[in-house]
Amino acid sequence: MNRQSVDLGKGSVGKLLFSLSLPMITSQIVNMLYNLVDRVYIGHMKPVDTVGALALTGVGVCLPVIMIISAFAALMAMGGAPRASIQEGRGDVPGAERIMGNSFSLLFAAAVVLTVVFQVFAEPLLLTFGASENTIGYALDYMRIYSLGTLFVQMTLGMNGYITAQGFSTVGMKTVLIGAGLNTALDPVFIFGLGMGVRGAALATILSQAVSTVWVLRFLTGPQTKWRLRRENLRLCPQVFLPSLALGLSPFIMQSTESLIAVCFNSSLLKYGGDLAVGAMTVLTSMMQFAMMPLQGLSQGAQPIVSYNFGARNVQRVRDAFKCLLRVCVVYSAALWLLVQAFPRMFVMIFNNDPALVDYAAWALRIYMGSTCLFGIQIACQQTFVALGNAKTSLFLAVLRKIILLIPLIYILPNFFADKVFAVFLAEPVADFLAVTTTGTMFFFQFRKSMAELADEGGKKA
């Protein structure tokens, strides 16, 4: 492996942001292929109009469990990685290594607990998440195998964050490319060649994640890394991991509440629209996740720049990084909104070609992503709060959009519309609009305050 770190404190912020973000965007998109490829293959199982559609819906109700696993990786790592970058900016590399070591131990412990829980309670959980008597069999087949690989998912997603936080974005990208490439190759072999169906898709995924885990740990214990994973740092220390967990609560809630939101959407749609509406929601969720990957990649590419320079008290560089991130996020989200509104069927047909499901999902997609044009503001502001170590505000914003706004709207809006299914889908853009308005307002005042305080501590003033 070649040392491919960059100097986060020097050079053009714009060029640095893109040099870090492009590998991260690639990583985010390719990482999504783990489940996206599964759904594409499963959605085209023969005969398409029966088995494929039901199997796709069955795997779709597994998505909340997958999101919970990813959320715990975010809790342990995404709160720690910005703090480690801040420590490096202050010149405290051993402190960064202690944070990383504690995160590793927490990831391992969480993986063991989650594996047991999902193996024992798989069926009642999946029924809660929207599985019906027609789809529970497919859902169980997928989840029983997928949950056995929880440790690999936790380690790959969690520890890879510490690679990219050092500025090794290309190495982090290779982590994802290796796993996703292997998954793409194994899926058709296991699903169709060996006739394993959805179980083959799950097996291909966990084997691929296992290979990625080996790659990550090999790098973090090798000579190339700036922060070394050391045995003495694996011992848990509350003073080290508690602040990381506090900061990680924001991304944890953002991801874990996707599971709760999926339950609310699926249960409401099953009530008002049946299996077809739940299947459409699977397509919409897949589309939204895939489309948001570049925004997440951009914000993760900006995180090391913001965190490092915040720790180094370089005010102007922090400001420049945020402004550049905001501009790019807004342009992307506006372009995405235009494409979705103009060509919804094109996006839906990536996931399934059943005529009834395509028609239904294309109509729903325009509604569901109605406020996507504003979402770049939300991502840029909220993730900058995380990069600055502002745990309280980032936590509030995560809770606001998902729990305070979206979940109640899923149940409130159907009371005001004759078309109940339309009202359920409408909850997403309404919640997004209100959340963006609140986030933008809070960020305007708090960011200026943070930069003023940093300048007073000795940073370089604008």
Foldseek 3Di string as FASTA:
>chain_A
DDQDADDLPDDDLLVLLCVLLVLQLLLLLLLLLLVQVLLQVLCVPPPNQARSLLLSLLQLLCVLLVLLLLLQLLLLAVLLLLVLLLCVLLVNLVLSLLSLLQSLLSLQVVLVVSLVVCLVCVQVSSVLLQDDPSRSVSNCLQSNLLSVLSSLSSLLSNLLLNCSLRRNSNLSSVLSVQLSVQLNVQQCCQVPVVVSNSNSSSNSNSVSSNVSNVSSLCVQCDDNDSRHNDPVSNPDDCVNRVLSSLLSLLSSLLRNLVSVLSSLLNVLCCVQPNSLLSSLVSLLVSLVSSLCSSLVSSLSSLLSSLSSCLSNLALVSNVSSLVSQLVVLLVSQQVVLVCLLVCVLVSSVSRHDDVVSSVVNSVLNNQLCVQSSLCSLVSSQLSSCSSNSVSPVNNVLSCQLRPVQQSVQLVPQLVPDPNNSSSNSNSNNVSSVVSSVVSVVVSVPVVVVSSVVSVVVPHDDD
